Structure formats: structure tokens, C-alpha cells
């Protein structure tokens, strides 16, 4: 969603494959990059969403919703929930929440607009979704890795 696209999209094309060194590594790498490219406003366009084996081989699906927030971690966790997923299963969101960049618990997020319950759908996960959860086995290792410092000023 917003943070993964922003983080991976900020890496020069020829170097993006270096992020994909395994499931725990990609989640840690996305979180590390997100700290430096964290937008002040994030928008998720769910007019047409994708399910299954996205982003390349997924199936488009009309949804007709839009989400926005000044906190992209909280936004992406909300959208994950609205798609039928648990934000605590998304490694980079979990790591960023531990680092204090946002909230995953919907009970601690303030909402404005239509009730979220009116927009909850059940999206089909990627076929490797269960394998992708393997990042959790490495959480002790991830916790020992350096937490990036908070940028003191916007990067140019």
C-alpha cells in the first residue's frame, strides 16, 4: 500500500532486487527506507484494487473506496483490515509500529468519514502469503538490528 510503494519506489530501478533477500529482510528493508521517505499525507486509491498474486499477476477488483491519513502506518494497517487482513501480519508495518511510527490497533486510530465496517471486504491473499509470514520467526533477530534514527529535517 502507501508505504511499500513509497519505499520500494524510492530505490533506483537496478537496485530494487537487493531489497528482496528473503521475507524478513524485505520487511526490515522497507521499514528502514520508510523512515526516510515517510510522507506527511498518504492516500490509498481503492477505486480498483487487486487481489491474489499482485502486484504483477493479481486480479483487478472494483472496490470504490479511498483512504487518506497523515500517518501512513496507521493508514496501511486500516486498509489491510478493510481488505480482510491482519496488519500485525505485515512485517514492515509491525516493525514501524514498534519503532513508534504508527498504530496497528484499530481501537487506537481515530476515523473520520464513513464507518470502516461499511467498506470491509475479503480479498484473496497472494498464493505465497503463508510463506511471507515467515518473517515472524526472525523477529528476535530483527529487534537486535539497528533502529534508524528519526530524521531531524526533511531530506532533499
N, C-alpha and C. Protein backbone atom coordinates (compact mmCIF):
# COMPACT_ATOMS: atom_id res chain seq x y z
N UNK A 1 0.82 -1.17 0.00
CA UNK A 1 0.00 0.00 0.00
C UNK A 1 0.87 1.24 0.00
N UNK A 2 0.52 2.26 0.71
CA UNK A 2 1.22 3.54 0.57
C UNK A 2 2.70 3.44 0.92
N UNK A 3 3.04 2.82 2.04
CA UNK A 3 4.45 2.80 2.47
C UNK A 3 5.32 1.88 1.63
N UNK A 4 4.79 0.73 1.26
CA UNK A 4 5.59 -0.18 0.44
C UNK A 4 5.87 0.46 -0.90
N UNK A 5 4.86 1.07 -1.51
CA UNK A 5 5.06 1.73 -2.80
C UNK A 5 6.05 2.89 -2.68
N UNK A 6 5.94 3.67 -1.64
CA UNK A 6 6.83 4.81 -1.44
C UNK A 6 8.26 4.33 -1.20
N UNK A 7 8.42 3.33 -0.36
CA UNK A 7 9.76 2.84 0.00
C UNK A 7 10.45 2.17 -1.17
N UNK A 8 9.80 1.19 -1.76
CA UNK A 8 10.42 0.46 -2.87
C UNK A 8 10.57 1.38 -4.08
N UNK A 9 9.59 2.26 -4.30
CA UNK A 9 9.67 3.19 -5.42
C UNK A 9 10.78 4.21 -5.29
N UNK A 10 11.28 4.42 -4.09
CA UNK A 10 12.36 5.40 -3.89
C UNK A 10 13.74 4.82 -4.19
N UNK A 11 13.81 3.51 -4.41
CA UNK A 11 15.08 2.85 -4.70
C UNK A 11 15.27 2.81 -6.21
N UNK A 12 16.45 3.18 -6.64
CA UNK A 12 16.77 3.19 -8.07
C UNK A 12 16.51 1.81 -8.67
N UNK A 13 15.95 1.81 -9.86
CA UNK A 13 15.50 0.58 -10.50
C UNK A 13 16.48 -0.59 -10.42
N UNK A 14 17.68 -0.42 -10.78
CA UNK A 14 18.64 -1.53 -10.81
C UNK A 14 18.99 -2.10 -9.45
N UNK A 15 18.59 -1.41 -8.38
CA UNK A 15 18.94 -1.84 -7.02
C UNK A 15 17.76 -2.43 -6.24
N UNK A 16 16.57 -2.37 -6.80
CA UNK A 16 15.39 -2.84 -6.08
C UNK A 16 15.46 -4.32 -5.72
N UNK A 17 16.06 -5.13 -6.58
CA UNK A 17 16.15 -6.56 -6.29
C UNK A 17 16.97 -6.83 -5.04
N UNK A 18 17.83 -5.88 -4.64
CA UNK A 18 18.63 -6.06 -3.43
C UNK A 18 17.76 -6.03 -2.17
N UNK A 19 16.58 -5.44 -2.26
CA UNK A 19 15.66 -5.43 -1.12
C UNK A 19 15.08 -6.82 -0.87
N UNK A 20 14.97 -7.61 -1.92
CA UNK A 20 14.30 -8.90 -1.87
C UNK A 20 15.29 -10.02 -1.57
N UNK A 21 15.77 -10.08 -0.35
CA UNK A 21 16.74 -11.10 0.05
C UNK A 21 16.11 -12.17 0.93
N UNK A 22 14.84 -12.16 1.10
CA UNK A 22 14.10 -13.07 1.97
C UNK A 22 12.97 -12.29 2.62
N UNK A 23 12.02 -12.98 3.20
CA UNK A 23 10.84 -12.31 3.72
C UNK A 23 11.15 -11.40 4.91
N UNK A 24 12.00 -11.82 5.82
CA UNK A 24 12.27 -10.92 6.94
C UNK A 24 13.13 -9.75 6.49
N UNK A 25 14.03 -9.98 5.54
CA UNK A 25 14.90 -8.91 5.08
C UNK A 25 14.12 -7.84 4.32
N UNK A 26 13.18 -8.24 3.48
CA UNK A 26 12.43 -7.23 2.73
C UNK A 26 11.58 -6.38 3.67
N UNK A 27 11.00 -7.01 4.69
CA UNK A 27 10.20 -6.24 5.65
C UNK A 27 11.07 -5.26 6.43
N UNK A 28 12.23 -5.69 6.86
CA UNK A 28 13.15 -4.80 7.58
C UNK A 28 13.63 -3.68 6.65
N UNK A 29 13.98 -4.03 5.42
CA UNK A 29 14.47 -3.03 4.47
C UNK A 29 13.40 -1.98 4.15
N UNK A 30 12.16 -2.42 3.95
CA UNK A 30 11.08 -1.47 3.67
C UNK A 30 10.90 -0.55 4.87
N UNK A 31 10.93 -1.11 6.07
CA UNK A 31 10.77 -0.28 7.28
C UNK A 31 11.91 0.74 7.39
N UNK A 32 13.14 0.30 7.15
CA UNK A 32 14.29 1.22 7.24
C UNK A 32 14.18 2.35 6.24
N UNK A 33 13.78 2.04 5.03
CA UNK A 33 13.64 3.07 3.99
C UNK A 33 12.47 3.99 4.32
N UNK A 34 11.37 3.41 4.80
CA UNK A 34 10.16 4.19 5.08
C UNK A 34 10.42 5.32 6.06
N UNK A 35 11.32 5.10 6.99
CA UNK A 35 11.66 6.14 7.97
C UNK A 35 12.13 7.42 7.26
N UNK A 36 12.81 7.26 6.13
CA UNK A 36 13.37 8.41 5.42
C UNK A 36 12.47 8.97 4.33
N UNK A 37 11.47 8.21 3.90
CA UNK A 37 10.57 8.69 2.84
C UNK A 37 9.13 8.79 3.32
N UNK A 38 8.94 8.78 4.63
CA UNK A 38 7.61 8.82 5.24
C UNK A 38 6.86 10.08 4.80
N UNK A 39 5.76 9.92 4.08
CA UNK A 39 5.01 11.11 3.64
C UNK A 39 4.22 11.74 4.80
N UNK A 40 3.92 13.00 4.66
CA UNK A 40 3.10 13.70 5.65
C UNK A 40 1.62 13.46 5.40
N UNK A 41 1.30 13.02 4.19
CA UNK A 41 -0.07 12.66 3.83
C UNK A 41 0.01 11.46 2.90
N UNK A 42 -0.74 10.43 3.22
CA UNK A 42 -0.75 9.24 2.38
C UNK A 42 -2.19 8.97 1.94
N UNK A 43 -2.32 8.53 0.69
CA UNK A 43 -3.63 8.24 0.12
C UNK A 43 -3.57 6.85 -0.50
N UNK A 44 -4.60 6.05 -0.25
CA UNK A 44 -4.74 4.76 -0.90
C UNK A 44 -5.99 4.82 -1.76
N UNK A 45 -5.78 4.65 -3.05
CA UNK A 45 -6.87 4.67 -4.02
C UNK A 45 -7.38 3.25 -4.18
N UNK A 46 -8.55 2.99 -3.61
CA UNK A 46 -9.14 1.68 -3.70
C UNK A 46 -10.32 1.62 -4.66
N UNK A 47 -10.35 2.56 -5.60
CA UNK A 47 -11.44 2.52 -6.59
C UNK A 47 -11.41 1.18 -7.29
N UNK A 48 -10.20 0.81 -7.76
CA UNK A 48 -9.98 -0.54 -8.27
C UNK A 48 -8.80 -1.10 -7.51
N UNK A 49 -9.01 -2.20 -6.85
CA UNK A 49 -7.96 -2.83 -6.05
C UNK A 49 -7.47 -4.08 -6.77
N UNK A 50 -6.58 -4.81 -6.13
CA UNK A 50 -6.07 -6.04 -6.70
C UNK A 50 -6.02 -7.10 -5.61
N UNK A 51 -6.33 -8.31 -5.99
CA UNK A 51 -6.24 -9.40 -5.04
C UNK A 51 -5.45 -10.54 -5.67
N UNK A 52 -5.05 -11.47 -4.82
CA UNK A 52 -4.30 -12.62 -5.31
C UNK A 52 -2.83 -12.27 -5.48
N UNK A 53 -2.27 -12.67 -6.61
CA UNK A 53 -0.82 -12.60 -6.84
C UNK A 53 -0.35 -11.25 -7.39
N UNK A 54 -0.75 -10.18 -6.73
CA UNK A 54 -0.29 -8.85 -7.12
C UNK A 54 1.13 -8.65 -6.66
N UNK A 55 1.82 -7.66 -7.10
CA UNK A 55 1.30 -6.57 -7.93
C UNK A 55 1.35 -6.85 -9.42
N UNK A 56 1.98 -7.94 -9.86
CA UNK A 56 2.11 -8.19 -11.30
C UNK A 56 1.01 -9.10 -11.83
N UNK A 57 0.73 -10.19 -11.13
CA UNK A 57 -0.20 -11.19 -11.64
C UNK A 57 -1.49 -11.28 -10.84
N UNK A 58 -1.87 -10.20 -10.17
CA UNK A 58 -3.10 -10.20 -9.40
C UNK A 58 -4.33 -10.02 -10.27
N UNK A 59 -5.47 -10.10 -9.64
CA UNK A 59 -6.74 -9.93 -10.32
C UNK A 59 -7.35 -8.60 -9.90
N UNK A 60 -7.60 -7.71 -10.86
CA UNK A 60 -8.24 -6.44 -10.51
C UNK A 60 -9.64 -6.67 -9.94
N UNK A 61 -10.01 -5.81 -9.02
CA UNK A 61 -11.31 -5.94 -8.37
C UNK A 61 -11.84 -4.56 -8.02
N UNK A 62 -13.02 -4.25 -8.49
CA UNK A 62 -13.63 -2.97 -8.16
C UNK A 62 -13.97 -2.93 -6.68
N UNK A 63 -13.64 -1.82 -6.04
CA UNK A 63 -13.92 -1.67 -4.61
C UNK A 63 -14.60 -0.33 -4.35
N UNK A 64 -14.15 0.72 -5.01
CA UNK A 64 -14.80 2.01 -4.94
C UNK A 64 -14.60 2.78 -3.65
N UNK A 65 -13.44 2.59 -2.99
CA UNK A 65 -13.17 3.31 -1.74
C UNK A 65 -11.85 4.05 -1.84
N UNK A 66 -11.70 5.06 -0.99
CA UNK A 66 -10.46 5.83 -0.88
C UNK A 66 -10.17 6.01 0.60
N UNK A 67 -8.90 6.00 0.94
CA UNK A 67 -8.46 6.19 2.31
C UNK A 67 -7.35 7.24 2.32
N UNK A 68 -7.29 8.04 3.35
CA UNK A 68 -6.21 9.01 3.49
C UNK A 68 -5.90 9.21 4.97
N UNK A 69 -4.65 9.55 5.25
CA UNK A 69 -4.24 9.79 6.63
C UNK A 69 -2.94 10.58 6.65
N UNK A 70 -2.73 11.26 7.75
CA UNK A 70 -1.43 11.91 7.98
C UNK A 70 -0.44 10.94 8.61
N UNK A 71 -0.87 9.72 8.88
CA UNK A 71 0.04 8.69 9.40
C UNK A 71 -0.06 7.47 8.50
N UNK A 72 0.94 7.25 7.62
CA UNK A 72 0.86 6.15 6.66
C UNK A 72 0.88 4.75 7.28
N UNK A 73 1.51 4.58 8.45
CA UNK A 73 1.49 3.26 9.10
C UNK A 73 0.07 2.93 9.54
N UNK A 74 -0.57 3.88 10.19
CA UNK A 74 -1.95 3.68 10.63
C UNK A 74 -2.89 3.53 9.43
N UNK A 75 -2.63 4.28 8.37
CA UNK A 75 -3.44 4.17 7.16
C UNK A 75 -3.34 2.77 6.57
N UNK A 76 -2.11 2.30 6.38
CA UNK A 76 -1.93 0.99 5.75
C UNK A 76 -2.49 -0.14 6.62
N UNK A 77 -2.40 0.00 7.93
CA UNK A 77 -2.99 -1.02 8.80
C UNK A 77 -4.51 -1.00 8.69
N UNK A 78 -5.10 0.18 8.55
CA UNK A 78 -6.55 0.30 8.38
C UNK A 78 -6.99 -0.33 7.07
N UNK A 79 -6.27 -0.03 5.99
CA UNK A 79 -6.63 -0.59 4.68
C UNK A 79 -6.45 -2.10 4.69
N UNK A 80 -5.39 -2.59 5.33
CA UNK A 80 -5.19 -4.04 5.42
C UNK A 80 -6.41 -4.69 6.10
N UNK A 81 -6.84 -4.10 7.19
CA UNK A 81 -8.02 -4.62 7.89
C UNK A 81 -9.24 -4.58 6.98
N UNK A 82 -9.43 -3.48 6.27
CA UNK A 82 -10.58 -3.34 5.38
C UNK A 82 -10.56 -4.37 4.25
N UNK A 83 -9.37 -4.87 3.93
CA UNK A 83 -9.23 -5.90 2.90
C UNK A 83 -9.31 -7.31 3.48
N UNK A 84 -9.50 -7.41 4.79
CA UNK A 84 -9.63 -8.72 5.42
C UNK A 84 -8.33 -9.29 5.95
N UNK A 85 -7.30 -8.47 6.06
CA UNK A 85 -6.00 -8.93 6.55
C UNK A 85 -5.70 -8.35 7.93
N UNK A 86 -4.78 -8.98 8.62
CA UNK A 86 -4.35 -8.53 9.94
C UNK A 86 -3.06 -7.74 9.77
N UNK A 87 -3.06 -6.47 10.14
CA UNK A 87 -1.88 -5.63 9.99
C UNK A 87 -0.69 -6.17 10.77
N UNK A 88 -0.93 -6.91 11.84
CA UNK A 88 0.16 -7.49 12.62
C UNK A 88 0.90 -8.58 11.85
N UNK A 89 0.34 -9.02 10.72
CA UNK A 89 0.99 -10.00 9.85
C UNK A 89 1.86 -9.35 8.79
N UNK A 90 1.83 -8.03 8.69
CA UNK A 90 2.60 -7.32 7.67
C UNK A 90 3.86 -6.79 8.35
N UNK A 91 4.97 -7.45 8.05
CA UNK A 91 6.21 -7.23 8.78
C UNK A 91 6.67 -5.79 8.87
N UNK A 92 6.71 -5.08 7.76
CA UNK A 92 7.23 -3.70 7.81
C UNK A 92 6.31 -2.80 8.62
N UNK A 93 5.00 -3.03 8.58
CA UNK A 93 4.09 -2.24 9.41
C UNK A 93 4.32 -2.55 10.89
N UNK A 94 4.50 -3.83 11.20
CA UNK A 94 4.74 -4.23 12.59
C UNK A 94 6.02 -3.59 13.11
N UNK A 95 7.09 -3.65 12.31
CA UNK A 95 8.37 -3.08 12.72
C UNK A 95 8.24 -1.58 12.93
N UNK A 96 7.61 -0.89 11.99
CA UNK A 96 7.44 0.56 12.11
C UNK A 96 6.61 0.93 13.32
N UNK A 97 5.61 0.11 13.65
CA UNK A 97 4.81 0.40 14.84
C UNK A 97 5.66 0.22 16.10
N UNK A 98 6.52 -0.79 16.13
CA UNK A 98 7.43 -0.97 17.27
C UNK A 98 8.39 0.21 17.41
N UNK A 99 8.77 0.78 16.30
CA UNK A 99 9.68 1.93 16.30
C UNK A 99 8.94 3.23 16.61
N UNK A 100 7.63 3.18 16.78
CA UNK A 100 6.86 4.37 17.15
C UNK A 100 6.38 5.23 16.01
N UNK A 101 6.28 4.67 14.82
CA UNK A 101 5.87 5.46 13.66
C UNK A 101 4.37 5.37 13.34
N UNK A 102 3.63 4.56 14.03
CA UNK A 102 2.20 4.47 13.74
C UNK A 102 1.54 3.39 14.56
N UNK A 103 0.27 3.25 14.35
CA UNK A 103 -0.57 2.37 15.16
C UNK A 103 -1.16 1.27 14.29
N UNK A 104 -1.18 0.06 14.82
CA UNK A 104 -1.82 -1.07 14.13
C UNK A 104 -3.16 -1.43 14.74
N UNK A 105 -3.38 -1.05 15.97
CA UNK A 105 -4.61 -1.38 16.69
C UNK A 105 -5.71 -0.41 16.28
N UNK A 106 -6.71 -0.94 15.57
CA UNK A 106 -7.80 -0.08 15.08
C UNK A 106 -8.54 0.64 16.20
N UNK A 107 -8.55 0.08 17.38
CA UNK A 107 -9.21 0.73 18.51
C UNK A 107 -8.48 1.98 18.97
N UNK A 108 -7.26 2.18 18.49
CA UNK A 108 -6.46 3.35 18.89
C UNK A 108 -6.29 4.35 17.75
N UNK A 109 -7.04 4.14 16.65
CA UNK A 109 -6.97 5.02 15.49
C UNK A 109 -8.28 5.78 15.38
N UNK A 110 -8.20 7.10 15.24
CA UNK A 110 -9.41 7.92 15.08
C UNK A 110 -9.80 7.94 13.60
N UNK A 111 -11.08 7.75 13.34
CA UNK A 111 -11.58 7.71 11.96
C UNK A 111 -12.55 8.85 11.71
N UNK A 112 -12.52 9.35 10.49
CA UNK A 112 -13.46 10.37 10.03
C UNK A 112 -14.06 9.86 8.73
N UNK A 113 -15.35 10.08 8.53
CA UNK A 113 -15.98 9.65 7.29
C UNK A 113 -16.87 8.45 7.51
N UNK A 114 -17.08 7.70 6.44
CA UNK A 114 -17.93 6.52 6.51
C UNK A 114 -17.38 5.52 7.52
N UNK A 115 -18.25 4.83 8.22
CA UNK A 115 -17.75 3.79 9.14
C UNK A 115 -16.92 2.75 8.39
N UNK A 116 -15.81 2.39 8.97
CA UNK A 116 -14.93 1.41 8.32
C UNK A 116 -15.67 0.12 8.03
N UNK A 117 -16.56 -0.27 8.91
CA UNK A 117 -17.30 -1.53 8.75
C UNK A 117 -18.09 -1.57 7.44
N UNK A 118 -18.43 -0.42 6.89
CA UNK A 118 -19.18 -0.38 5.63
C UNK A 118 -18.30 -0.69 4.42
N UNK A 119 -16.99 -0.67 4.61
CA UNK A 119 -16.07 -0.86 3.49
C UNK A 119 -15.19 -2.10 3.63
N UNK A 120 -15.48 -2.95 4.59
CA UNK A 120 -14.68 -4.16 4.78
C UNK A 120 -15.08 -5.21 3.75
N UNK A 121 -14.09 -5.73 3.07
CA UNK A 121 -14.27 -6.78 2.06
C UNK A 121 -13.29 -7.91 2.41
N UNK A 122 -13.43 -9.02 1.76
CA UNK A 122 -12.49 -10.13 1.95
C UNK A 122 -11.74 -10.34 0.64
N UNK A 123 -10.47 -9.92 0.63
CA UNK A 123 -9.65 -10.05 -0.56
C UNK A 123 -8.85 -11.34 -0.50
N UNK A 124 -8.65 -11.95 -1.65
CA UNK A 124 -7.87 -13.18 -1.74
C UNK A 124 -6.39 -12.82 -1.56
N UNK A 125 -5.67 -13.52 -0.67
CA UNK A 125 -4.25 -13.21 -0.47
C UNK A 125 -3.38 -13.76 -1.61
N UNK A 126 -2.15 -13.32 -1.63
CA UNK A 126 -1.14 -13.85 -2.56
C UNK A 126 -0.96 -15.34 -2.25
N UNK A 127 -0.68 -16.12 -3.27
CA UNK A 127 -0.54 -17.58 -3.04
C UNK A 127 0.62 -17.91 -2.10
N UNK A 128 1.59 -17.01 -1.96
CA UNK A 128 2.71 -17.27 -1.05
C UNK A 128 2.52 -16.57 0.30
N UNK A 129 1.30 -16.17 0.61
CA UNK A 129 1.02 -15.42 1.83
C UNK A 129 1.52 -16.15 3.09
N UNK A 130 1.26 -17.44 3.19
CA UNK A 130 1.70 -18.18 4.38
C UNK A 130 3.22 -18.20 4.48
N UNK A 131 3.91 -18.32 3.36
CA UNK A 131 5.38 -18.27 3.37
C UNK A 131 5.86 -16.88 3.79
N UNK A 132 5.14 -15.84 3.35
CA UNK A 132 5.54 -14.48 3.67
C UNK A 132 5.50 -14.22 5.17
N UNK A 133 4.68 -14.96 5.90
CA UNK A 133 4.60 -14.80 7.35
C UNK A 133 5.84 -15.31 8.08
N UNK A 134 6.76 -15.94 7.34
CA UNK A 134 7.97 -16.48 7.97
C UNK A 134 8.84 -15.39 8.59
N UNK A 135 8.63 -14.12 8.24
CA UNK A 135 9.40 -13.03 8.86
C UNK A 135 9.26 -13.07 10.38
N UNK A 136 8.13 -13.58 10.87
CA UNK A 136 7.88 -13.59 12.32
C UNK A 136 8.88 -14.47 13.07
N UNK A 137 9.39 -15.51 12.41
CA UNK A 137 10.37 -16.39 13.05
C UNK A 137 11.67 -15.66 13.36
N UNK A 138 11.90 -14.55 12.67
CA UNK A 138 13.15 -13.81 12.80
C UNK A 138 12.99 -12.51 13.59
N UNK A 139 11.87 -12.34 14.26
CA UNK A 139 11.62 -11.08 14.95
C UNK A 139 12.67 -10.79 16.02
N UNK A 140 13.18 -11.79 16.70
CA UNK A 140 14.25 -11.56 17.68
C UNK A 140 15.50 -11.00 17.01
N UNK A 141 15.83 -11.53 15.83
CA UNK A 141 16.98 -11.02 15.07
C UNK A 141 16.72 -9.59 14.60
N UNK A 142 15.52 -9.34 14.10
CA UNK A 142 15.16 -8.02 13.61
C UNK A 142 15.25 -7.00 14.75
N UNK A 143 14.79 -7.39 15.92
CA UNK A 143 14.79 -6.48 17.08
C UNK A 143 16.21 -6.08 17.47
N UNK A 144 17.21 -6.91 17.16
CA UNK A 144 18.60 -6.60 17.50
C UNK A 144 19.29 -5.72 16.46
N UNK A 145 18.68 -5.60 15.28
CA UNK A 145 19.26 -4.77 14.23
C UNK A 145 19.08 -3.30 14.57
N UNK A 146 19.92 -2.45 14.02
CA UNK A 146 19.82 -1.03 14.38
C UNK A 146 18.51 -0.40 13.92
N UNK A 147 17.94 0.37 14.83
CA UNK A 147 16.76 1.17 14.51
C UNK A 147 17.28 2.46 13.90
N UNK A 148 16.78 2.82 12.73
CA UNK A 148 17.29 4.06 12.12
C UNK A 148 16.91 5.28 12.96
N UNK A 149 17.78 6.26 13.00
CA UNK A 149 17.44 7.48 13.75
C UNK A 149 16.32 8.23 13.03
N UNK A 150 15.51 8.93 13.82
CA UNK A 150 14.47 9.77 13.21
C UNK A 150 15.15 10.93 12.48
N UNK A 151 14.79 11.12 11.22
CA UNK A 151 15.37 12.27 10.50
C UNK A 151 15.00 13.56 11.21
N UNK A 152 15.96 14.44 11.40
CA UNK A 152 15.70 15.69 12.11
C UNK A 152 15.12 16.75 11.18
N UNK A 153 15.34 16.61 9.91
CA UNK A 153 14.81 17.55 8.93
C UNK A 153 14.45 16.80 7.67
N UNK A 154 13.55 17.33 6.86
CA UNK A 154 13.22 16.64 5.60
C UNK A 154 14.47 16.48 4.74
N UNK A 155 14.53 15.33 4.08
CA UNK A 155 15.66 15.08 3.17
C UNK A 155 15.37 15.76 1.84
N UNK A 156 16.38 16.32 1.23
CA UNK A 156 16.22 16.95 -0.09
C UNK A 156 16.49 15.96 -1.19
